[in-house]
N, C-alpha and C. Protein backbone atom coordinates (compact mmCIF):
# COMPACT_ATOMS: atom_id res chain seq x y z
N MET A 1 1.82 91.79 145.93
CA MET A 1 2.35 92.30 144.75
C MET A 1 2.09 91.31 143.64
N ASP A 2 1.68 91.92 142.77
CA ASP A 2 1.24 91.17 141.63
C ASP A 2 2.44 90.83 140.77
N SER A 3 2.44 89.64 140.26
CA SER A 3 3.58 89.25 139.47
C SER A 3 3.56 89.94 138.13
N ASN A 4 2.39 90.44 137.75
CA ASN A 4 2.29 91.14 136.51
C ASN A 4 2.74 92.57 136.62
N SER A 5 2.72 93.10 137.77
CA SER A 5 3.06 94.50 137.93
C SER A 5 4.56 94.74 137.98
N GLN A 6 5.31 93.76 138.15
CA GLN A 6 6.76 93.94 138.18
C GLN A 6 7.27 94.10 136.74
N THR A 7 8.25 94.94 136.65
CA THR A 7 8.84 95.14 135.33
C THR A 7 9.86 94.05 135.07
N PRO A 8 9.82 93.55 133.94
CA PRO A 8 10.77 92.49 133.66
C PRO A 8 12.19 93.05 133.62
N ALA A 9 13.13 92.26 134.01
CA ALA A 9 14.53 92.68 134.02
C ALA A 9 14.99 92.83 132.57
N ALA A 10 15.76 93.89 132.36
CA ALA A 10 16.22 94.15 131.00
C ALA A 10 17.28 93.14 130.61
N VAL A 11 17.11 92.62 129.48
CA VAL A 11 18.06 91.64 129.00
C VAL A 11 19.13 92.42 128.22
N PRO A 12 20.33 92.32 128.66
CA PRO A 12 21.36 93.08 127.96
C PRO A 12 21.58 92.51 126.55
N THR A 13 21.75 93.41 125.62
CA THR A 13 22.03 92.99 124.25
C THR A 13 23.54 92.77 124.13
N PRO A 14 23.90 91.74 123.47
CA PRO A 14 25.34 91.48 123.38
C PRO A 14 26.03 92.56 122.55
N ALA A 15 27.17 93.02 123.04
CA ALA A 15 27.97 94.04 122.34
C ALA A 15 28.69 93.36 121.18
N PRO A 16 28.86 94.09 120.09
CA PRO A 16 29.55 93.46 118.97
C PRO A 16 30.98 93.14 119.37
N ALA A 17 31.44 92.02 118.90
CA ALA A 17 32.80 91.58 119.23
C ALA A 17 33.81 92.48 118.52
N PRO A 18 34.82 92.93 119.24
CA PRO A 18 35.81 93.80 118.60
C PRO A 18 36.61 92.99 117.57
N THR A 19 36.90 93.65 116.48
CA THR A 19 37.67 92.97 115.45
C THR A 19 39.12 92.90 115.89
N PRO A 20 39.74 91.75 115.75
CA PRO A 20 41.12 91.63 116.21
C PRO A 20 42.06 92.42 115.28
N VAL A 21 42.95 93.15 115.88
CA VAL A 21 43.95 93.92 115.14
C VAL A 21 45.23 93.09 115.10
N PRO A 22 45.73 92.81 113.90
CA PRO A 22 46.96 92.01 113.86
C PRO A 22 48.12 92.81 114.45
N ILE A 23 48.86 92.12 115.27
CA ILE A 23 50.00 92.77 115.92
C ILE A 23 51.24 92.47 115.08
N THR A 24 51.83 93.55 114.58
CA THR A 24 53.06 93.40 113.81
C THR A 24 54.22 93.86 114.67
N PRO A 25 55.27 93.07 114.72
CA PRO A 25 56.40 93.50 115.57
C PRO A 25 57.09 94.71 114.93
N THR A 26 57.36 95.67 115.76
CA THR A 26 58.06 96.85 115.28
C THR A 26 59.52 96.71 115.64
N PRO A 27 60.40 97.05 114.71
CA PRO A 27 61.83 96.92 115.03
C PRO A 27 62.23 97.92 116.10
N VAL A 28 63.06 97.44 116.96
CA VAL A 28 63.54 98.29 118.04
C VAL A 28 64.66 99.15 117.48
N LEU A 29 64.45 100.43 117.48
CA LEU A 29 65.47 101.34 116.97
C LEU A 29 66.54 101.52 118.01
N SER A 30 67.76 101.37 117.56
CA SER A 30 68.85 101.53 118.50
C SER A 30 69.00 103.01 118.83
N GLY A 31 69.58 103.25 119.93
CA GLY A 31 69.78 104.63 120.36
C GLY A 31 70.79 105.33 119.48
N GLY A 32 70.90 106.60 119.59
CA GLY A 32 71.81 107.39 118.79
C GLY A 32 73.26 107.05 119.06
N SER A 33 73.56 106.51 120.23
CA SER A 33 74.95 106.23 120.56
C SER A 33 75.53 105.15 119.65
N ASN A 34 74.73 104.14 119.28
CA ASN A 34 75.23 103.09 118.41
C ASN A 34 75.47 103.62 117.01
N GLU A 35 74.58 104.48 116.50
CA GLU A 35 74.77 105.08 115.19
C GLU A 35 75.98 106.00 115.21
N GLN A 36 76.15 106.73 116.28
CA GLN A 36 77.31 107.62 116.38
C GLN A 36 78.58 106.80 116.46
N SER A 37 78.52 105.65 117.13
CA SER A 37 79.69 104.79 117.24
C SER A 37 80.07 104.24 115.86
N SER A 38 79.08 103.82 115.09
CA SER A 38 79.34 103.32 113.75
C SER A 38 79.92 104.41 112.86
N SER A 39 79.37 105.59 112.95
CA SER A 39 79.87 106.72 112.17
C SER A 39 81.27 107.09 112.61
N SER A 40 81.51 107.04 113.89
CA SER A 40 82.84 107.37 114.43
C SER A 40 83.87 106.34 113.98
N ASN A 41 83.50 105.06 114.00
CA ASN A 41 84.43 104.01 113.57
C ASN A 41 84.76 104.16 112.09
N ARG A 42 83.78 104.50 111.29
CA ARG A 42 84.01 104.68 109.86
C ARG A 42 84.94 105.87 109.63
N LEU A 43 84.76 106.93 110.37
CA LEU A 43 85.61 108.11 110.23
C LEU A 43 87.05 107.80 110.62
N ILE A 44 87.23 107.07 111.70
CA ILE A 44 88.57 106.69 112.15
C ILE A 44 89.24 105.79 111.11
N THR A 45 88.49 104.84 110.56
CA THR A 45 89.04 103.95 109.54
C THR A 45 89.48 104.72 108.31
N MET A 46 88.66 105.64 107.85
CA MET A 46 89.02 106.44 106.67
C MET A 46 90.24 107.31 106.97
N LEU A 47 90.33 107.85 108.16
CA LEU A 47 91.46 108.68 108.54
C LEU A 47 92.75 107.86 108.55
N ILE A 48 92.70 106.66 109.07
CA ILE A 48 93.89 105.80 109.11
C ILE A 48 94.31 105.41 107.70
N ILE A 49 93.35 105.07 106.85
CA ILE A 49 93.68 104.72 105.46
C ILE A 49 94.33 105.91 104.76
N GLY A 50 93.79 107.11 104.98
CA GLY A 50 94.37 108.31 104.38
C GLY A 50 95.80 108.55 104.84
N LEU A 51 96.05 108.38 106.13
CA LEU A 51 97.41 108.58 106.65
C LEU A 51 98.38 107.55 106.09
N VAL A 52 97.93 106.31 105.93
CA VAL A 52 98.80 105.27 105.37
C VAL A 52 99.15 105.61 103.92
N ILE A 53 98.16 106.08 103.16
CA ILE A 53 98.42 106.45 101.76
C ILE A 53 99.41 107.60 101.69
N ILE A 54 99.24 108.60 102.54
CA ILE A 54 100.16 109.74 102.56
C ILE A 54 101.57 109.29 102.92
N ALA A 55 101.69 108.38 103.90
CA ALA A 55 103.01 107.88 104.31
C ALA A 55 103.68 107.12 103.17
N VAL A 56 102.92 106.32 102.43
CA VAL A 56 103.48 105.56 101.31
C VAL A 56 103.95 106.51 100.21
N VAL A 57 103.19 107.55 99.94
CA VAL A 57 103.58 108.51 98.91
C VAL A 57 104.86 109.24 99.32
N ILE A 58 104.94 109.65 100.57
CA ILE A 58 106.14 110.35 101.04
C ILE A 58 107.36 109.43 100.98
N ALA A 59 107.19 108.18 101.41
CA ALA A 59 108.31 107.23 101.37
C ALA A 59 108.75 106.97 99.93
N GLY A 60 107.80 106.83 99.02
CA GLY A 60 108.14 106.62 97.62
C GLY A 60 108.89 107.81 97.04
N PHE A 61 108.44 109.01 97.36
CA PHE A 61 109.13 110.20 96.88
C PHE A 61 110.54 110.29 97.44
N TYR A 62 110.71 109.93 98.72
CA TYR A 62 112.02 109.98 99.36
C TYR A 62 112.99 109.02 98.66
N PHE A 63 112.56 107.76 98.46
CA PHE A 63 113.43 106.78 97.83
C PHE A 63 113.72 107.15 96.37
N TYR A 64 112.76 107.71 95.70
CA TYR A 64 112.99 108.14 94.32
C TYR A 64 114.02 109.25 94.27
N SER A 65 113.91 110.23 95.18
CA SER A 65 114.85 111.35 95.17
C SER A 65 116.26 110.90 95.58
N VAL A 66 116.38 109.95 96.49
CA VAL A 66 117.69 109.44 96.89
C VAL A 66 118.35 108.73 95.72
N ASN A 67 117.58 107.93 94.99
CA ASN A 67 118.14 107.22 93.84
C ASN A 67 118.52 108.18 92.72
N GLN A 68 117.80 109.23 92.54
CA GLN A 68 118.12 110.20 91.49
C GLN A 68 119.40 110.97 91.82
N LYS A 69 119.62 111.27 93.09
CA LYS A 69 120.83 112.01 93.47
C LYS A 69 122.08 111.17 93.22
N SER A 70 121.99 109.88 93.47
CA SER A 70 123.17 109.04 93.28
C SER A 70 123.44 108.77 91.79
N ALA A 71 122.43 108.90 90.94
CA ALA A 71 122.61 108.61 89.52
C ALA A 71 123.17 109.81 88.75
N VAL A 72 123.10 111.01 89.32
CA VAL A 72 123.56 112.21 88.61
C VAL A 72 125.07 112.35 88.80
N PRO A 73 125.84 112.36 87.71
CA PRO A 73 127.29 112.50 87.86
C PRO A 73 127.64 113.95 88.20
N GLU A 74 128.79 114.09 88.81
CA GLU A 74 129.26 115.43 89.15
C GLU A 74 129.72 116.13 87.89
N THR A 75 129.38 117.38 87.76
CA THR A 75 129.80 118.16 86.59
C THR A 75 130.68 119.31 87.06
N THR A 76 131.53 119.72 86.17
CA THR A 76 132.38 120.87 86.49
C THR A 76 131.86 122.08 85.75
N THR A 77 132.00 123.20 86.35
CA THR A 77 131.54 124.43 85.70
C THR A 77 132.63 124.96 84.79
N GLN A 78 132.22 125.51 83.70
CA GLN A 78 133.16 126.09 82.76
C GLN A 78 132.75 127.54 82.52
N THR A 79 133.69 128.30 82.10
CA THR A 79 133.43 129.71 81.88
C THR A 79 132.73 129.91 80.55
N ASP A 80 132.07 131.01 80.41
CA ASP A 80 131.33 131.31 79.19
C ASP A 80 132.05 132.30 78.28
N THR A 81 133.31 132.51 78.51
CA THR A 81 134.03 133.47 77.68
C THR A 81 134.53 132.78 76.41
N ASP A 82 134.76 133.57 75.37
CA ASP A 82 135.17 133.03 74.08
C ASP A 82 136.63 133.33 73.73
N ASN A 83 137.37 133.89 74.65
CA ASN A 83 138.77 134.18 74.27
C ASN A 83 139.60 132.90 74.33
N VAL A 84 140.71 132.89 73.63
CA VAL A 84 141.53 131.71 73.45
C VAL A 84 142.13 131.25 74.77
N GLY A 85 142.55 132.15 75.59
CA GLY A 85 143.18 131.79 76.86
C GLY A 85 142.20 131.06 77.77
N SER A 86 140.96 131.52 77.81
CA SER A 86 139.95 130.88 78.65
C SER A 86 139.62 129.50 78.13
N LEU A 87 139.52 129.35 76.82
CA LEU A 87 139.21 128.05 76.22
C LEU A 87 140.35 127.05 76.46
N GLU A 88 141.60 127.51 76.37
CA GLU A 88 142.74 126.62 76.64
C GLU A 88 142.76 126.22 78.11
N ALA A 89 142.42 127.13 78.99
CA ALA A 89 142.38 126.80 80.43
C ALA A 89 141.31 125.75 80.71
N ASP A 90 140.14 125.87 80.07
CA ASP A 90 139.07 124.88 80.24
C ASP A 90 139.50 123.52 79.69
N LEU A 91 140.18 123.53 78.55
CA LEU A 91 140.64 122.29 77.94
C LEU A 91 141.69 121.61 78.81
N ASN A 92 142.58 122.37 79.36
CA ASN A 92 143.63 121.80 80.20
C ASN A 92 143.08 121.32 81.54
N SER A 93 142.00 121.92 82.02
CA SER A 93 141.43 121.49 83.31
C SER A 93 140.54 120.26 83.16
N SER A 94 140.21 119.89 81.94
CA SER A 94 139.38 118.70 81.73
C SER A 94 140.19 117.45 82.05
N ASN A 95 139.58 116.53 82.75
CA ASN A 95 140.23 115.29 83.15
C ASN A 95 139.91 114.21 82.12
N LEU A 96 140.90 113.87 81.30
CA LEU A 96 140.71 112.86 80.26
C LEU A 96 141.55 111.62 80.54
N ASP A 97 142.02 111.47 81.77
CA ASP A 97 142.91 110.35 82.10
C ASP A 97 142.20 109.00 82.04
N ASN A 98 141.00 108.91 82.59
CA ASN A 98 140.32 107.62 82.64
C ASN A 98 139.18 107.56 81.61
N LEU A 99 139.38 108.16 80.49
CA LEU A 99 138.36 108.20 79.44
C LEU A 99 138.13 106.80 78.86
N ASP A 100 139.19 106.01 78.72
CA ASP A 100 139.04 104.65 78.17
C ASP A 100 138.19 103.76 79.08
N THR A 101 138.41 103.87 80.38
CA THR A 101 137.61 103.03 81.31
C THR A 101 136.15 103.46 81.30
N GLU A 102 135.90 104.75 81.19
CA GLU A 102 134.52 105.22 81.13
C GLU A 102 133.85 104.77 79.85
N LEU A 103 134.57 104.81 78.74
CA LEU A 103 134.00 104.36 77.48
C LEU A 103 133.74 102.86 77.47
N SER A 104 134.60 102.09 78.11
CA SER A 104 134.36 100.64 78.17
C SER A 104 133.14 100.34 79.05
N ALA A 105 132.91 101.13 80.10
CA ALA A 105 131.73 100.94 80.94
C ALA A 105 130.46 101.27 80.14
N VAL A 106 130.54 102.31 79.32
CA VAL A 106 129.40 102.66 78.47
C VAL A 106 129.16 101.56 77.45
N ASP A 107 130.23 101.02 76.89
CA ASP A 107 130.12 99.94 75.91
C ASP A 107 129.46 98.70 76.53
N GLN A 108 129.82 98.38 77.76
CA GLN A 108 129.23 97.24 78.45
C GLN A 108 127.74 97.47 78.70
N ASP A 109 127.38 98.71 79.07
CA ASP A 109 125.98 99.03 79.29
C ASP A 109 125.17 98.89 77.99
N LEU A 110 125.76 99.32 76.90
CA LEU A 110 125.07 99.18 75.61
C LEU A 110 124.92 97.72 75.21
N GLN A 111 125.92 96.89 75.52
CA GLN A 111 125.84 95.47 75.20
C GLN A 111 124.77 94.76 76.01
N SER A 112 124.51 95.24 77.23
CA SER A 112 123.51 94.60 78.09
C SER A 112 122.10 94.90 77.65
N LEU A 113 121.93 95.91 76.82
CA LEU A 113 120.58 96.21 76.30
C LEU A 113 120.26 95.23 75.24
């Protein structure tokens, strides 16, 4: 065999080098359970704040109404008739015994202003 008759071995051509792709880290997305937990916690917090506000308003209204009831003096009812006998009966039923003490209490209140 002739050395000239052999086919030369094919020389492989070098393949182009692949261009490197920069690797950027991707954030790991949390599962839906964590987002639901955060949403659930926020909802519970808002609900508790709302209930506390409602309780404070109710308590304030209660204390205000209790103080108003004690400040209102008792009144007596009088008749609406215009005849002399009815007017004399109303006048006689009026309690004017401790009028001086009540006026002195009013005078003291005015002095404190």
